[in-house]
C-alpha atoms as a PDB file:
ATOM      1  CA  MET A   1     -23.994  74.287  16.067  1.00  0.00           C
ATOM      2  CA  ARG A   2     -25.514  77.167  17.977  1.00  0.00           C
ATOM      3  CA  LEU A   3     -27.621  76.346  20.980  1.00  0.00           C
ATOM      4  CA  PRO A   4     -30.393  78.694  22.039  1.00  0.00           C
ATOM      5  CA  ALA A   5     -29.780  81.342  24.672  1.00  0.00           C
ATOM      6  CA  VAL A   6     -31.704  80.131  27.695  1.00  0.00           C
ATOM      7  CA  ALA A   7     -30.736  82.084  30.778  1.00  0.00           C
ATOM      8  CA  GLU A   8     -31.764  85.614  31.615  1.00  0.00           C
ATOM      9  CA  PHE A   9     -28.110  86.715  31.766  1.00  0.00           C
ATOM     10  CA  ASP A  10     -27.756  85.772  28.072  1.00  0.00           C
ATOM     11  CA  TYR A  11     -29.984  88.713  27.167  1.00  0.00           C
ATOM     12  CA  GLN A  12     -29.786  92.488  27.216  1.00  0.00           C
ATOM     13  CA  GLY A  13     -33.461  93.345  27.238  1.00  0.00           C
ATOM     14  CA  GLU A  14     -35.101  91.252  24.520  1.00  0.00           C
ATOM     15  CA  VAL A  15     -31.939  90.719  22.440  1.00  0.00           C
ATOM     16  CA  PRO A  16     -29.478  87.895  23.191  1.00  0.00           C
ATOM     17  CA  TYR A  17     -25.842  89.006  23.422  1.00  0.00           C
ATOM     18  CA  ARG A  18     -24.232  85.665  24.276  1.00  0.00           C
ATOM     19  CA  MET A  19     -24.726  82.291  22.665  1.00  0.00           C
ATOM     20  CA  ARG A  20     -24.012  78.766  23.664  1.00  0.00           C
ATOM     21  CA  TRP A  21     -22.223  76.603  21.111  1.00  0.00           C
ATOM     22  CA  ALA A  22     -21.663  72.868  20.749  1.00  0.00           C
ATOM     23  CA  PRO A  23     -18.711  72.492  18.336  1.00  0.00           C
ATOM     24  CA  ALA A  24     -17.611  68.991  17.332  1.00  0.00           C
ATOM     25  CA  ARG A  25     -14.478  67.839  15.531  1.00  0.00           C
ATOM     26  CA  ARG A  26     -13.247  64.614  14.025  1.00  0.00           C
ATOM     27  CA  GLY A  27      -9.832  63.241  14.775  1.00  0.00           C
ATOM     28  CA  ILE A  28      -7.369  63.271  11.855  1.00  0.00           C
ATOM     29  CA  SER A  29      -5.867  59.888  12.658  1.00  0.00           C
ATOM     30  CA  LYS A  30      -9.187  58.401  13.855  1.00  0.00           C
ATOM     31  CA  PRO A  31     -11.995  60.000  11.829  1.00  0.00           C
ATOM     32  CA  ASP A  32     -14.689  57.936  13.534  1.00  0.00           C
ATOM     33  CA  GLU A  33     -13.854  59.533  16.916  1.00  0.00           C
ATOM     34  CA  ILE A  34     -15.647  62.816  17.508  1.00  0.00           C
ATOM     35  CA  ALA A  35     -14.709  65.290  20.244  1.00  0.00           C
ATOM     36  CA  TYR A  36     -17.392  67.637  21.525  1.00  0.00           C
ATOM     37  CA  TYR A  37     -16.962  70.996  23.222  1.00  0.00           C
ATOM     38  CA  LEU A  38     -19.336  73.324  24.982  1.00  0.00           C
ATOM     39  CA  ALA A  39     -18.678  77.011  24.421  1.00  0.00           C
ATOM     40  CA  TYR A  40     -20.269  80.150  25.763  1.00  0.00           C
ATOM     41  CA  ALA A  41     -19.345  83.271  23.825  1.00  0.00           C
ATOM     42  CA  PRO A  42     -20.602  86.693  22.711  1.00  0.00           C
ATOM     43  CA  LEU A  43     -22.612  86.789  19.487  1.00  0.00           C
ATOM     44  CA  HIS A  44     -19.817  88.423  17.481  1.00  0.00           C
ATOM     45  CA  VAL A  45     -17.447  85.452  17.961  1.00  0.00           C
ATOM     46  CA  THR A  46     -16.907  83.564  14.712  1.00  0.00           C
ATOM     47  CA  VAL A  47     -16.740  79.821  14.212  1.00  0.00           C
ATOM     48  CA  GLN A  48     -13.072  80.194  13.197  1.00  0.00           C
ATOM     49  CA  GLU A  49     -12.277  81.830  16.523  1.00  0.00           C
ATOM     50  CA  LEU A  50     -14.056  79.063  18.428  1.00  0.00           C
ATOM     51  CA  VAL A  51     -12.024  76.485  16.507  1.00  0.00           C
ATOM     52  CA  ARG A  52      -8.785  78.353  17.268  1.00  0.00           C
ATOM     53  CA  VAL A  53      -9.565  78.498  20.991  1.00  0.00           C
ATOM     54  CA  ALA A  54     -10.561  74.824  21.082  1.00  0.00           C
ATOM     55  CA  GLY A  55      -7.247  73.941  19.409  1.00  0.00           C
ATOM     56  CA  ALA A  56      -5.323  76.005  21.966  1.00  0.00           C
ATOM     57  CA  ARG A  57      -6.750  73.811  24.708  1.00  0.00           C
ATOM     58  CA  TRP A  58      -4.054  71.202  24.134  1.00  0.00           C
ATOM     59  CA  ALA A  59      -1.247  73.697  24.755  1.00  0.00           C
ATOM     60  CA  VAL A  60      -2.883  74.620  28.069  1.00  0.00           C
ATOM     61  CA  GLU A  61      -3.283  70.925  28.980  1.00  0.00           C
ATOM     62  CA  GLU A  62       0.413  70.312  28.221  1.00  0.00           C
ATOM     63  CA  CYS A  63       1.392  73.310  30.352  1.00  0.00           C
ATOM     64  CA  PHE A  64      -0.543  72.010  33.351  1.00  0.00           C
ATOM     65  CA  GLN A  65       0.882  68.495  32.874  1.00  0.00           C
ATOM     66  CA  ALA A  66       4.417  69.922  32.779  1.00  0.00           C
ATOM     67  CA  ALA A  67       3.718  71.925  35.948  1.00  0.00           C
ATOM     68  CA  LYS A  68       2.456  68.766  37.651  1.00  0.00           C
ATOM     69  CA  ASN A  69       5.539  66.781  36.643  1.00  0.00           C
ATOM     70  CA  GLU A  70       8.220  69.435  37.213  1.00  0.00           C
ATOM     71  CA  CYS A  71       6.888  71.602  40.022  1.00  0.00           C
ATOM     72  CA  GLY A  72       4.548  69.404  42.041  1.00  0.00           C
ATOM     73  CA  LEU A  73       1.425  71.312  41.096  1.00  0.00           C
ATOM     74  CA  ASP A  74      -0.721  68.366  42.136  1.00  0.00           C
ATOM     75  CA  GLN A  75       1.241  67.517  45.310  1.00  0.00           C
ATOM     76  CA  TYR A  76      -0.648  69.521  47.882  1.00  0.00           C
ATOM     77  CA  GLU A  77      -2.097  68.282  51.136  1.00  0.00           C
ATOM     78  CA  VAL A  78      -3.820  71.271  52.623  1.00  0.00           C
ATOM     79  CA  ARG A  79      -6.928  71.819  54.675  1.00  0.00           C
ATOM     80  CA  ARG A  80      -7.762  75.402  53.893  1.00  0.00           C
ATOM     81  CA  TYR A  81      -8.071  77.588  50.821  1.00  0.00           C
ATOM     82  CA  THR A  82      -5.193  79.860  51.862  1.00  0.00           C
ATOM     83  CA  GLY A  83      -2.727  76.964  51.969  1.00  0.00           C
ATOM     84  CA  TRP A  84      -3.961  75.592  48.652  1.00  0.00           C
ATOM     85  CA  TYR A  85      -3.752  79.032  47.038  1.00  0.00           C
ATOM     86  CA  ARG A  86      -0.181  79.550  48.276  1.00  0.00           C
ATOM     87  CA  HIS A  87       0.889  76.138  46.986  1.00  0.00           C
ATOM     88  CA  ILE A  88      -0.671  76.658  43.551  1.00  0.00           C
ATOM     89  CA  THR A  89       0.781  80.170  43.281  1.00  0.00           C
ATOM     90  CA  LEU A  90       4.311  79.027  44.155  1.00  0.00           C
ATOM     91  CA  ALA A  91       4.129  75.995  41.863  1.00  0.00           C
ATOM     92  CA  MET A  92       2.953  78.105  38.916  1.00  0.00           C
ATOM     93  CA  LEU A  93       5.618  80.744  39.665  1.00  0.00           C
ATOM     94  CA  ALA A  94       8.288  78.021  39.684  1.00  0.00           C
ATOM     95  CA  HIS A  95       6.941  76.647  36.405  1.00  0.00           C
ATOM     96  CA  ALA A  96       6.991  80.116  34.801  1.00  0.00           C
ATOM     97  CA  PHE A  97      10.586  80.601  35.987  1.00  0.00           C
ATOM     98  CA  LEU A  98      11.661  77.235  34.540  1.00  0.00           C
ATOM     99  CA  ALA A  99       9.909  77.954  31.225  1.00  0.00           C
ATOM    100  CA  ALA A 100      11.514  81.403  30.935  1.00  0.00           C
ATOM    101  CA  THR A 101      14.940  80.016  31.831  1.00  0.00           C
ATOM    102  CA  ALA A 102      14.627  77.228  29.246  1.00  0.00           C
ATOM    103  CA  HIS A 103      13.529  79.745  26.608  1.00  0.00           C
ATOM    104  CA  GLN A 104      16.517  82.005  27.363  1.00  0.00           C
ATOM    105  CA  ALA A 105      18.888  79.040  27.121  1.00  0.00           C
ATOM    106  CA  ARG A 106      17.447  78.087  23.702  1.00  0.00           C
ATOM    107  CA  GLU A 107      17.784  81.673  22.500  1.00  0.00           C
ATOM    108  CA  ARG A 108      21.417  81.840  23.662  1.00  0.00           C
ATOM    109  CA  GLY A 109      22.143  78.563  21.857  1.00  0.00           C
ATOM    110  CA  ARG A 110      20.695  79.929  18.605  1.00  0.00           C
ATOM    111  CA  ASN A 111      22.678  83.186  18.817  1.00  0.00           C
ATOM    112  CA  ARG A 112      26.061  81.506  19.175  1.00  0.00           C
END
């Protein structure tokens, strides 16, 4: 469902160029449970693209959970932004390294 453009930055002159959306989806295993999303996208974005992006959310959630478990993404005790930023950057770099290494190992196993 499209929501009306309300803010002045949603418009270029008199014409809106961004829309707010409120997509909802039913669960496959539990059809009585409905998940709601809020989206903010340019007018040319299709409903199919919104659905695709909403579905990709779970892959992002899994990535962050893996980074928390494997690299201590959530284990920071800092007082300033600089320390927090360094910790997050190093944790995400370590996670990217581990993911790339695991991918290379799987590829080597398939090629043998």
